[in-house]
Amino acid sequence: MSVDADTVRRIAHLARIAVADDEIGHLRDELNAMLAFVEQLSEVRVDGVEPMTSVMPMTMKKRADQVTDGNIAEDIVRNAPASDDNYFLVPKVVE
């Protein structure tokens, strides 16, 4: 894949970046170099390679997935200007 000057202008427009005409050639070369590197990556054979979460083998710490209220509802609404039965009271905004 190759990027031309019109594509560089379009990318700059989409990214809302002001690019002077004398910078177009340099940016075109930079983008083409990046795309060439990505094409090189597609040549790497990764069949049978397991995805990694870290370079060091480790087991992730897990906790039980339980929904709780934290048992601190009173602490949460303590600073509220108005509350009732651990619910925030807010002014009515719809008539």
PDB file of N, CA and C in Angstrom:
ATOM      1  N   MET A   1       0.847  -1.172   0.000  1.00  0.00           N
ATOM      2  CA  MET A   1       0.000   0.000   0.000  1.00  0.00           C
ATOM      3  C   MET A   1       0.890   1.231   0.000  1.00  0.00           C
ATOM      4  N   SER A   2       0.494   2.217  -0.764  1.00  0.00           N
ATOM      5  CA  SER A   2       1.276   3.436  -0.862  1.00  0.00           C
ATOM      6  C   SER A   2       0.360   4.642  -0.673  1.00  0.00           C
ATOM      7  N   VAL A   3       0.895   5.655  -0.049  1.00  0.00           N
ATOM      8  CA  VAL A   3       0.144   6.877   0.222  1.00  0.00           C
ATOM      9  C   VAL A   3       0.634   7.963  -0.717  1.00  0.00           C
ATOM     10  N   ASP A   4      -0.300   8.660  -1.353  1.00  0.00           N
ATOM     11  CA  ASP A   4       0.079   9.767  -2.223  1.00  0.00           C
ATOM     12  C   ASP A   4      -0.211  11.095  -1.522  1.00  0.00           C
ATOM     13  N   ALA A   5       0.099  12.203  -2.186  1.00  0.00           N
ATOM     14  CA  ALA A   5      -0.046  13.527  -1.586  1.00  0.00           C
ATOM     15  C   ALA A   5      -1.507  13.841  -1.252  1.00  0.00           C
ATOM     16  N   ASP A   6      -2.430  13.423  -2.125  1.00  0.00           N
ATOM     17  CA  ASP A   6      -3.849  13.680  -1.846  1.00  0.00           C
ATOM     18  C   ASP A   6      -4.320  12.930  -0.600  1.00  0.00           C
ATOM     19  N   THR A   7      -3.819  11.727  -0.422  1.00  0.00           N
ATOM     20  CA  THR A   7      -4.186  10.952   0.768  1.00  0.00           C
ATOM     21  C   THR A   7      -3.636  11.605   2.027  1.00  0.00           C
ATOM     22  N   VAL A   8      -2.423  12.138   1.955  1.00  0.00           N
ATOM     23  CA  VAL A   8      -1.839  12.840   3.104  1.00  0.00           C
ATOM     24  C   VAL A   8      -2.694  14.052   3.457  1.00  0.00           C
ATOM     25  N   ARG A   9      -3.128  14.792   2.451  1.00  0.00           N
ATOM     26  CA  ARG A   9      -3.987  15.956   2.711  1.00  0.00           C
ATOM     27  C   ARG A   9      -5.315  15.532   3.339  1.00  0.00           C
ATOM     28  N   ARG A  10      -5.882  14.421   2.844  1.00  0.00           N
ATOM     29  CA  ARG A  10      -7.150  13.939   3.391  1.00  0.00           C
ATOM     30  C   ARG A  10      -6.990  13.476   4.835  1.00  0.00           C
ATOM     31  N   ILE A  11      -5.912  12.755   5.127  1.00  0.00           N
ATOM     32  CA  ILE A  11      -5.653  12.309   6.499  1.00  0.00           C
ATOM     33  C   ILE A  11      -5.479  13.516   7.408  1.00  0.00           C
ATOM     34  N   ALA A  12      -4.742  14.509   6.953  1.00  0.00           N
ATOM     35  CA  ALA A  12      -4.536  15.714   7.760  1.00  0.00           C
ATOM     36  C   ALA A  12      -5.863  16.424   7.998  1.00  0.00           C
ATOM     37  N   HIS A  13      -6.702  16.473   6.983  1.00  0.00           N
ATOM     38  CA  HIS A  13      -8.018  17.110   7.138  1.00  0.00           C
ATOM     39  C   HIS A  13      -8.881  16.361   8.151  1.00  0.00           C
ATOM     40  N   LEU A  14      -8.905  15.026   8.047  1.00  0.00           N
ATOM     41  CA  LEU A  14      -9.693  14.218   8.971  1.00  0.00           C
ATOM     42  C   LEU A  14      -9.182  14.339  10.406  1.00  0.00           C
ATOM     43  N   ALA A  15      -7.863  14.495  10.553  1.00  0.00           N
ATOM     44  CA  ALA A  15      -7.272  14.627  11.886  1.00  0.00           C
ATOM     45  C   ALA A  15      -7.283  16.066  12.367  1.00  0.00           C
ATOM     46  N   ARG A  16      -7.798  16.958  11.547  1.00  0.00           N
ATOM     47  CA  ARG A  16      -7.853  18.391  11.878  1.00  0.00           C
ATOM     48  C   ARG A  16      -6.455  18.943  12.171  1.00  0.00           C
ATOM     49  N   ILE A  17      -5.506  18.559  11.306  1.00  0.00           N
ATOM     50  CA  ILE A  17      -4.118  19.009  11.438  1.00  0.00           C
ATOM     51  C   ILE A  17      -3.799  19.907  10.245  1.00  0.00           C
ATOM     52  N   ALA A  18      -3.276  21.089  10.524  1.00  0.00           N
ATOM     53  CA  ALA A  18      -2.866  21.989   9.442  1.00  0.00           C
ATOM     54  C   ALA A  18      -1.502  21.541   8.932  1.00  0.00           C
ATOM     55  N   VAL A  19      -1.426  21.240   7.641  1.00  0.00           N
ATOM     56  CA  VAL A  19      -0.184  20.780   7.028  1.00  0.00           C
ATOM     57  C   VAL A  19       0.139  21.690   5.855  1.00  0.00           C
ATOM     58  N   ALA A  20       1.319  22.265   5.887  1.00  0.00           N
ATOM     59  CA  ALA A  20       1.764  23.125   4.788  1.00  0.00           C
ATOM     60  C   ALA A  20       2.128  22.258   3.580  1.00  0.00           C
ATOM     61  N   ASP A  21       2.059  22.862   2.386  1.00  0.00           N
ATOM     62  CA  ASP A  21       2.343  22.110   1.164  1.00  0.00           C
ATOM     63  C   ASP A  21       3.771  21.576   1.128  1.00  0.00           C
ATOM     64  N   ASP A  22       4.709  22.296   1.738  1.00  0.00           N
ATOM     65  CA  ASP A  22       6.094  21.824   1.715  1.00  0.00           C
ATOM     66  C   ASP A  22       6.336  20.658   2.682  1.00  0.00           C
ATOM     67  N   GLU A  23       5.370  20.364   3.550  1.00  0.00           N
ATOM     68  CA  GLU A  23       5.497  19.233   4.478  1.00  0.00           C
ATOM     69  C   GLU A  23       4.868  17.957   3.933  1.00  0.00           C
ATOM     70  N   ILE A  24       4.099  18.064   2.865  1.00  0.00           N
ATOM     71  CA  ILE A  24       3.364  16.919   2.326  1.00  0.00           C
ATOM     72  C   ILE A  24       4.312  15.797   1.920  1.00  0.00           C
ATOM     73  N   GLY A  25       5.383  16.124   1.224  1.00  0.00           N
ATOM     74  CA  GLY A  25       6.328  15.096   0.765  1.00  0.00           C
ATOM     75  C   GLY A  25       6.954  14.333   1.915  1.00  0.00           C
ATOM     76  N   HIS A  26       7.362  15.062   2.944  1.00  0.00           N
ATOM     77  CA  HIS A  26       7.985  14.419   4.108  1.00  0.00           C
ATOM     78  C   HIS A  26       6.979  13.515   4.826  1.00  0.00           C
ATOM     79  N   LEU A  27       5.763  13.996   4.992  1.00  0.00           N
ATOM     80  CA  LEU A  27       4.742  13.191   5.663  1.00  0.00           C
ATOM     81  C   LEU A  27       4.375  11.966   4.831  1.00  0.00           C
ATOM     82  N   ARG A  28       4.344  12.115   3.516  1.00  0.00           N
ATOM     83  CA  ARG A  28       4.062  10.979   2.642  1.00  0.00           C
ATOM     84  C   ARG A  28       5.115   9.887   2.831  1.00  0.00           C
ATOM     85  N   ASP A  29       6.393  10.304   2.872  1.00  0.00           N
ATOM     86  CA  ASP A  29       7.467   9.337   3.079  1.00  0.00           C
ATOM     87  C   ASP A  29       7.364   8.664   4.444  1.00  0.00           C
ATOM     88  N   GLU A  30       7.020   9.433   5.473  1.00  0.00           N
ATOM     89  CA  GLU A  30       6.880   8.884   6.827  1.00  0.00           C
ATOM     90  C   GLU A  30       5.746   7.859   6.879  1.00  0.00           C
ATOM     91  N   LEU A  31       4.593   8.214   6.305  1.00  0.00           N
ATOM     92  CA  LEU A  31       3.457   7.292   6.316  1.00  0.00           C
ATOM     93  C   LEU A  31       3.753   6.029   5.517  1.00  0.00           C
ATOM     94  N   ASN A  32       4.417   6.169   4.386  1.00  0.00           N
ATOM     95  CA  ASN A  32       4.773   4.999   3.586  1.00  0.00           C
ATOM     96  C   ASN A  32       5.753   4.101   4.333  1.00  0.00           C
ATOM     97  N   ALA A  33       6.678   4.684   5.092  1.00  0.00           N
ATOM     98  CA  ALA A  33       7.610   3.883   5.886  1.00  0.00           C
ATOM     99  C   ALA A  33       6.866   3.106   6.973  1.00  0.00           C
ATOM    100  N   MET A  34       5.889   3.753   7.616  1.00  0.00           N
ATOM    101  CA  MET A  34       5.096   3.061   8.646  1.00  0.00           C
ATOM    102  C   MET A  34       4.303   1.910   8.030  1.00  0.00           C
ATOM    103  N   LEU A  35       3.681   2.158   6.886  1.00  0.00           N
ATOM    104  CA  LEU A  35       2.900   1.112   6.236  1.00  0.00           C
ATOM    105  C   LEU A  35       3.783  -0.043   5.772  1.00  0.00           C
ATOM    106  N   ALA A  36       4.987   0.264   5.334  1.00  0.00           N
ATOM    107  CA  ALA A  36       5.924  -0.795   4.932  1.00  0.00           C
ATOM    108  C   ALA A  36       6.299  -1.653   6.134  1.00  0.00           C
ATOM    109  N   PHE A  37       6.478  -1.035   7.295  1.00  0.00           N
ATOM    110  CA  PHE A  37       6.794  -1.793   8.496  1.00  0.00           C
ATOM    111  C   PHE A  37       5.631  -2.700   8.885  1.00  0.00           C
ATOM    112  N   VAL A  38       4.414  -2.204   8.780  1.00  0.00           N
ATOM    113  CA  VAL A  38       3.245  -3.021   9.103  1.00  0.00           C
ATOM    114  C   VAL A  38       3.143  -4.191   8.136  1.00  0.00           C
ATOM    115  N   GLU A  39       3.461  -3.974   6.876  1.00  0.00           N
ATOM    116  CA  GLU A  39       3.455  -5.063   5.903  1.00  0.00           C
ATOM    117  C   GLU A  39       4.498  -6.110   6.256  1.00  0.00           C
ATOM    118  N   GLN A  40       5.642  -5.688   6.791  1.00  0.00           N
ATOM    119  CA  GLN A  40       6.667  -6.643   7.225  1.00  0.00           C
ATOM    120  C   GLN A  40       6.147  -7.500   8.378  1.00  0.00           C
ATOM    121  N   LEU A  41       5.365  -6.908   9.255  1.00  0.00           N
ATOM    122  CA  LEU A  41       4.819  -7.661  10.381  1.00  0.00           C
ATOM    123  C   LEU A  41       3.882  -8.766   9.920  1.00  0.00           C
ATOM    124  N   SER A  42       3.192  -8.568   8.798  1.00  0.00           N
ATOM    125  CA  SER A  42       2.270  -9.589   8.308  1.00  0.00           C
ATOM    126  C   SER A  42       3.016 -10.819   7.798  1.00  0.00           C
ATOM    127  N   GLU A  43       4.326 -10.711   7.570  1.00  0.00           N
ATOM    128  CA  GLU A  43       5.116 -11.845   7.107  1.00  0.00           C
ATOM    129  C   GLU A  43       5.539 -12.757   8.260  1.00  0.00           C
ATOM    130  N   VAL A  44       5.418 -12.315   9.486  1.00  0.00           N
ATOM    131  CA  VAL A  44       5.831 -13.109  10.639  1.00  0.00           C
ATOM    132  C   VAL A  44       4.836 -14.235  10.846  1.00  0.00           C
ATOM    133  N   ARG A  45       5.350 -15.457  11.021  1.00  0.00           N
ATOM    134  CA  ARG A  45       4.499 -16.616  11.236  1.00  0.00           C
ATOM    135  C   ARG A  45       4.197 -16.724  12.726  1.00  0.00           C
ATOM    136  N   VAL A  46       2.926 -16.641  13.070  1.00  0.00           N
ATOM    137  CA  VAL A  46       2.514 -16.679  14.473  1.00  0.00           C
ATOM    138  C   VAL A  46       1.571 -17.846  14.754  1.00  0.00           C
ATOM    139  N   ASP A  47       1.566 -18.847  13.894  1.00  0.00           N
ATOM    140  CA  ASP A  47       0.709 -20.009  14.111  1.00  0.00           C
ATOM    141  C   ASP A  47       1.130 -20.716  15.391  1.00  0.00           C
ATOM    142  N   GLY A  48       0.170 -20.976  16.260  1.00  0.00           N
ATOM    143  CA  GLY A  48       0.447 -21.693  17.494  1.00  0.00           C
ATOM    144  C   GLY A  48       1.015 -20.837  18.610  1.00  0.00           C
ATOM    145  N   VAL A  49       1.143 -19.532  18.412  1.00  0.00           N
ATOM    146  CA  VAL A  49       1.660 -18.651  19.452  1.00  0.00           C
ATOM    147  C   VAL A  49       0.484 -18.176  20.300  1.00  0.00           C
ATOM    148  N   GLU A  50       0.552 -18.449  21.590  1.00  0.00           N
ATOM    149  CA  GLU A  50      -0.517 -18.058  22.501  1.00  0.00           C
ATOM    150  C   GLU A  50      -0.435 -16.567  22.796  1.00  0.00           C
ATOM    151  N   PRO A  51      -1.570 -15.883  22.929  1.00  0.00           N
ATOM    152  CA  PRO A  51      -1.554 -14.468  23.306  1.00  0.00           C
ATOM    153  C   PRO A  51      -0.983 -14.299  24.715  1.00  0.00           C
ATOM    154  N   MET A  52      -0.298 -13.190  24.948  1.00  0.00           N
ATOM    155  CA  MET A  52       0.323 -12.943  26.245  1.00  0.00           C
ATOM    156  C   MET A  52      -0.327 -11.751  26.916  1.00  0.00           C
ATOM    157  N   THR A  53      -0.413 -11.800  28.244  1.00  0.00           N
ATOM    158  CA  THR A  53      -0.844 -10.640  29.011  1.00  0.00           C
ATOM    159  C   THR A  53       0.359  -9.943  29.620  1.00  0.00           C
ATOM    160  N   SER A  54       1.496 -10.647  29.649  1.00  0.00           N
ATOM    161  CA  SER A  54       2.707 -10.090  30.236  1.00  0.00           C
ATOM    162  C   SER A  54       3.895 -10.872  29.689  1.00  0.00           C
ATOM    163  N   VAL A  55       5.066 -10.277  29.737  1.00  0.00           N
ATOM    164  CA  VAL A  55       6.269 -10.999  29.310  1.00  0.00           C
ATOM    165  C   VAL A  55       6.717 -11.984  30.370  1.00  0.00           C
ATOM    166  N   MET A  56       6.256 -11.795  31.591  1.00  0.00           N
ATOM    167  CA  MET A  56       6.568 -12.705  32.691  1.00  0.00           C
ATOM    168  C   MET A  56       5.367 -13.620  32.918  1.00  0.00           C
ATOM    169  N   PRO A  57       5.576 -14.936  32.979  1.00  0.00           N
ATOM    170  CA  PRO A  57       4.436 -15.816  33.240  1.00  0.00           C
ATOM    171  C   PRO A  57       3.910 -15.598  34.655  1.00  0.00           C
ATOM    172  N   MET A  58       2.625 -15.355  34.756  1.00  0.00           N
ATOM    173  CA  MET A  58       2.022 -15.133  36.067  1.00  0.00           C
ATOM    174  C   MET A  58       0.544 -15.471  35.996  1.00  0.00           C
ATOM    175  N   THR A  59      -0.021 -15.716  37.149  1.00  0.00           N
ATOM    176  CA  THR A  59      -1.448 -15.972  37.253  1.00  0.00           C
ATOM    177  C   THR A  59      -2.116 -14.716  37.763  1.00  0.00           C
ATOM    178  N   MET A  60      -3.166 -14.304  37.086  1.00  0.00           N
ATOM    179  CA  MET A  60      -3.865 -13.098  37.486  1.00  0.00           C
ATOM    180  C   MET A  60      -4.633 -13.347  38.781  1.00  0.00           C
ATOM    181  N   LYS A  61      -4.606 -12.368  39.671  1.00  0.00           N
ATOM    182  CA  LYS A  61      -5.380 -12.470  40.902  1.00  0.00           C
ATOM    183  C   LYS A  61      -6.847 -12.254  40.557  1.00  0.00           C
ATOM    184  N   LYS A  62      -7.680 -13.111  41.094  1.00  0.00           N
ATOM    185  CA  LYS A  62      -9.100 -13.016  40.795  1.00  0.00           C
ATOM    186  C   LYS A  62      -9.887 -12.953  42.083  1.00  0.00           C
ATOM    187  N   ARG A  63     -11.011 -12.295  42.019  1.00  0.00           N
ATOM    188  CA  ARG A  63     -11.906 -12.239  43.161  1.00  0.00           C
ATOM    189  C   ARG A  63     -13.280 -12.684  42.699  1.00  0.00           C
ATOM    190  N   ALA A  64     -14.100 -13.032  43.639  1.00  0.00           N
ATOM    191  CA  ALA A  64     -15.464 -13.432  43.287  1.00  0.00           C
ATOM    192  C   ALA A  64     -16.214 -12.235  42.723  1.00  0.00           C
ATOM    193  N   ASP A  65     -16.958 -12.454  41.665  1.00  0.00           N
ATOM    194  CA  ASP A  65     -17.707 -11.380  41.022  1.00  0.00           C
ATOM    195  C   ASP A  65     -19.073 -11.279  41.685  1.00  0.00           C
ATOM    196  N   GLN A  66     -19.139 -10.496  42.749  1.00  0.00           N
ATOM    197  CA  GLN A  66     -20.369 -10.352  43.508  1.00  0.00           C
ATOM    198  C   GLN A  66     -20.762  -8.884  43.551  1.00  0.00           C
ATOM    199  N   VAL A  67     -22.042  -8.634  43.360  1.00  0.00           N
ATOM    200  CA  VAL A  67     -22.565  -7.279  43.419  1.00  0.00           C
ATOM    201  C   VAL A  67     -22.926  -6.970  44.864  1.00  0.00           C
ATOM    202  N   THR A  68     -22.342  -5.899  45.403  1.00  0.00           N
ATOM    203  CA  THR A  68     -22.670  -5.463  46.762  1.00  0.00           C
ATOM    204  C   THR A  68     -22.832  -3.956  46.758  1.00  0.00           C
ATOM    205  N   ASP A  69     -23.434  -3.442  47.798  1.00  0.00           N
ATOM    206  CA  ASP A  69     -23.556  -1.993  47.916  1.00  0.00           C
ATOM    207  C   ASP A  69     -22.391  -1.408  48.701  1.00  0.00           C
ATOM    208  N   GLY A  70     -21.480  -2.238  49.142  1.00  0.00           N
ATOM    209  CA  GLY A  70     -20.311  -1.765  49.876  1.00  0.00           C
ATOM    210  C   GLY A  70     -20.592  -1.537  51.346  1.00  0.00           C
ATOM    211  N   ASN A  71     -21.840  -1.632  51.736  1.00  0.00           N
ATOM    212  CA  ASN A  71     -22.238  -1.433  53.129  1.00  0.00           C
ATOM    213  C   ASN A  71     -21.810  -0.082  53.689  1.00  0.00           C
ATOM    214  N   ILE A  72     -21.725   0.928  52.821  1.00  0.00           N
ATOM    215  CA  ILE A  72     -21.339   2.267  53.284  1.00  0.00           C
ATOM    216  C   ILE A  72     -22.292   3.327  52.746  1.00  0.00           C
ATOM    217  N   ALA A  73     -23.548   2.958  52.543  1.00  0.00           N
ATOM    218  CA  ALA A  73     -24.512   3.900  51.967  1.00  0.00           C
ATOM    219  C   ALA A  73     -24.633   5.160  52.812  1.00  0.00           C
ATOM    220  N   GLU A  74     -24.606   5.015  54.127  1.00  0.00           N
ATOM    221  CA  GLU A  74     -24.719   6.192  55.003  1.00  0.00           C
ATOM    222  C   GLU A  74     -23.543   7.139  54.802  1.00  0.00           C
ATOM    223  N   ASP A  75     -22.349   6.580  54.637  1.00  0.00           N
ATOM    224  CA  ASP A  75     -21.163   7.415  54.416  1.00  0.00           C
ATOM    225  C   ASP A  75     -21.246   8.156  53.083  1.00  0.00           C
ATOM    226  N   ILE A  76     -21.819   7.507  52.088  1.00  0.00           N
ATOM    227  CA  ILE A  76     -21.888   8.108  50.754  1.00  0.00           C
ATOM    228  C   ILE A  76     -22.842   9.294  50.745  1.00  0.00           C
ATOM    229  N   VAL A  77     -24.004   9.164  51.362  1.00  0.00           N
ATOM    230  CA  VAL A  77     -24.990  10.246  51.306  1.00  0.00           C
ATOM    231  C   VAL A  77     -24.804  11.264  52.428  1.00  0.00           C
ATOM    232  N   ARG A  78     -23.819  11.069  53.280  1.00  0.00           N
ATOM    233  CA  ARG A  78     -23.616  11.979  54.408  1.00  0.00           C
ATOM    234  C   ARG A  78     -23.368  13.414  53.955  1.00  0.00           C
ATOM    235  N   ASN A  79     -22.637  13.620  52.876  1.00  0.00           N
ATOM    236  CA  ASN A  79     -22.319  14.974  52.409  1.00  0.00           C
ATOM    237  C   ASN A  79     -23.351  15.530  51.436  1.00  0.00           C
ATOM    238  N   ALA A  80     -24.384  14.771  51.144  1.00  0.00           N
ATOM    239  CA  ALA A  80     -25.404  15.246  50.206  1.00  0.00           C
ATOM    240  C   ALA A  80     -26.231  16.355  50.858  1.00  0.00           C
ATOM    241  N   PRO A  81     -26.623  17.381  50.086  1.00  0.00           N
ATOM    242  CA  PRO A  81     -27.450  18.445  50.637  1.00  0.00           C
ATOM    243  C   PRO A  81     -28.795  17.921  51.152  1.00  0.00           C
ATOM    244  N   ALA A  82     -29.344  16.910  50.461  1.00  0.00           N
ATOM    245  CA  ALA A  82     -30.621  16.334  50.895  1.00  0.00           C
ATOM    246  C   ALA A  82     -30.633  14.859  50.531  1.00  0.00           C
ATOM    247  N   SER A  83     -31.084  14.036  51.479  1.00  0.00           N
ATOM    248  CA  SER A  83     -31.190  12.608  51.213  1.00  0.00           C
ATOM    249  C   SER A  83     -32.363  12.048  51.990  1.00  0.00           C
ATOM    250  N   ASP A  84     -32.850  10.883  51.537  1.00  0.00           N
ATOM    251  CA  ASP A  84     -33.955  10.218  52.210  1.00  0.00           C
ATOM    252  C   ASP A  84     -33.770   8.719  52.028  1.00  0.00           C
ATOM    253  N   ASP A  85     -33.647   8.005  53.130  1.00  0.00           N
ATOM    254  CA  ASP A  85     -33.492   6.551  53.110  1.00  0.00           C
ATOM    255  C   ASP A  85     -32.332   6.137  52.199  1.00  0.00           C
ATOM    256  N   ASN A  86     -31.181   6.814  52.351  1.00  0.00           N
ATOM    257  CA  ASN A  86     -29.943   6.551  51.604  1.00  0.00           C
ATOM    258  C   ASN A  86     -30.083   6.794  50.096  1.00  0.00           C
ATOM    259  N   TYR A  87     -31.000   7.651  49.689  1.00  0.00           N
ATOM    260  CA  TYR A  87     -31.128   8.085  48.302  1.00  0.00           C
ATOM    261  C   TYR A  87     -30.864   9.584  48.245  1.00  0.00           C
ATOM    262  N   PHE A  88     -30.232  10.032  47.176  1.00  0.00           N
ATOM    263  CA  PHE A  88     -30.012  11.462  46.976  1.00  0.00           C
ATOM    264  C   PHE A  88     -31.333  12.103  46.571  1.00  0.00           C
ATOM    265  N   LEU A  89     -31.662  13.222  47.173  1.00  0.00           N
ATOM    266  CA  LEU A  89     -32.832  13.992  46.762  1.00  0.00           C
ATOM    267  C   LEU A  89     -32.355  15.143  45.908  1.00  0.00           C
ATOM    268  N   VAL A  90     -32.967  15.311  44.732  1.00  0.00           N
ATOM    269  CA  VAL A  90     -32.593  16.377  43.810  1.00  0.00           C
ATOM    270  C   VAL A  90     -33.835  17.158  43.446  1.00  0.00           C
ATOM    271  N   PRO A  91     -33.679  18.424  43.068  1.00  0.00           N
ATOM    272  CA  PRO A  91     -34.839  19.213  42.677  1.00  0.00           C
ATOM    273  C   PRO A  91     -35.474  18.671  41.405  1.00  0.00           C
ATOM    274  N   LYS A  92     -36.767  18.816  41.291  1.00  0.00           N
ATOM    275  CA  LYS A  92     -37.483  18.399  40.102  1.00  0.00           C
ATOM    276  C   LYS A  92     -37.115  19.321  38.954  1.00  0.00           C
ATOM    277  N   VAL A  93     -36.737  18.741  37.804  1.00  0.00           N
ATOM    278  CA  VAL A  93     -36.328  19.559  36.667  1.00  0.00           C
ATOM    279  C   VAL A  93     -37.287  19.430  35.493  1.00  0.00           C
ATOM    280  N   VAL A  94     -38.244  18.515  35.549  1.00  0.00           N
ATOM    281  CA  VAL A  94     -39.217  18.345  34.488  1.00  0.00           C
ATOM    282  C   VAL A  94     -40.590  18.707  35.042  1.00  0.00           C
ATOM    283  N   GLU A  95     -41.313  19.511  34.304  1.00  0.00           N
ATOM    284  CA  GLU A  95     -42.653  19.906  34.766  1.00  0.00           C
ATOM    285  C   GLU A  95     -43.725  19.159  34.051  1.00  0.00           C
TER     286      GLU A  95
END
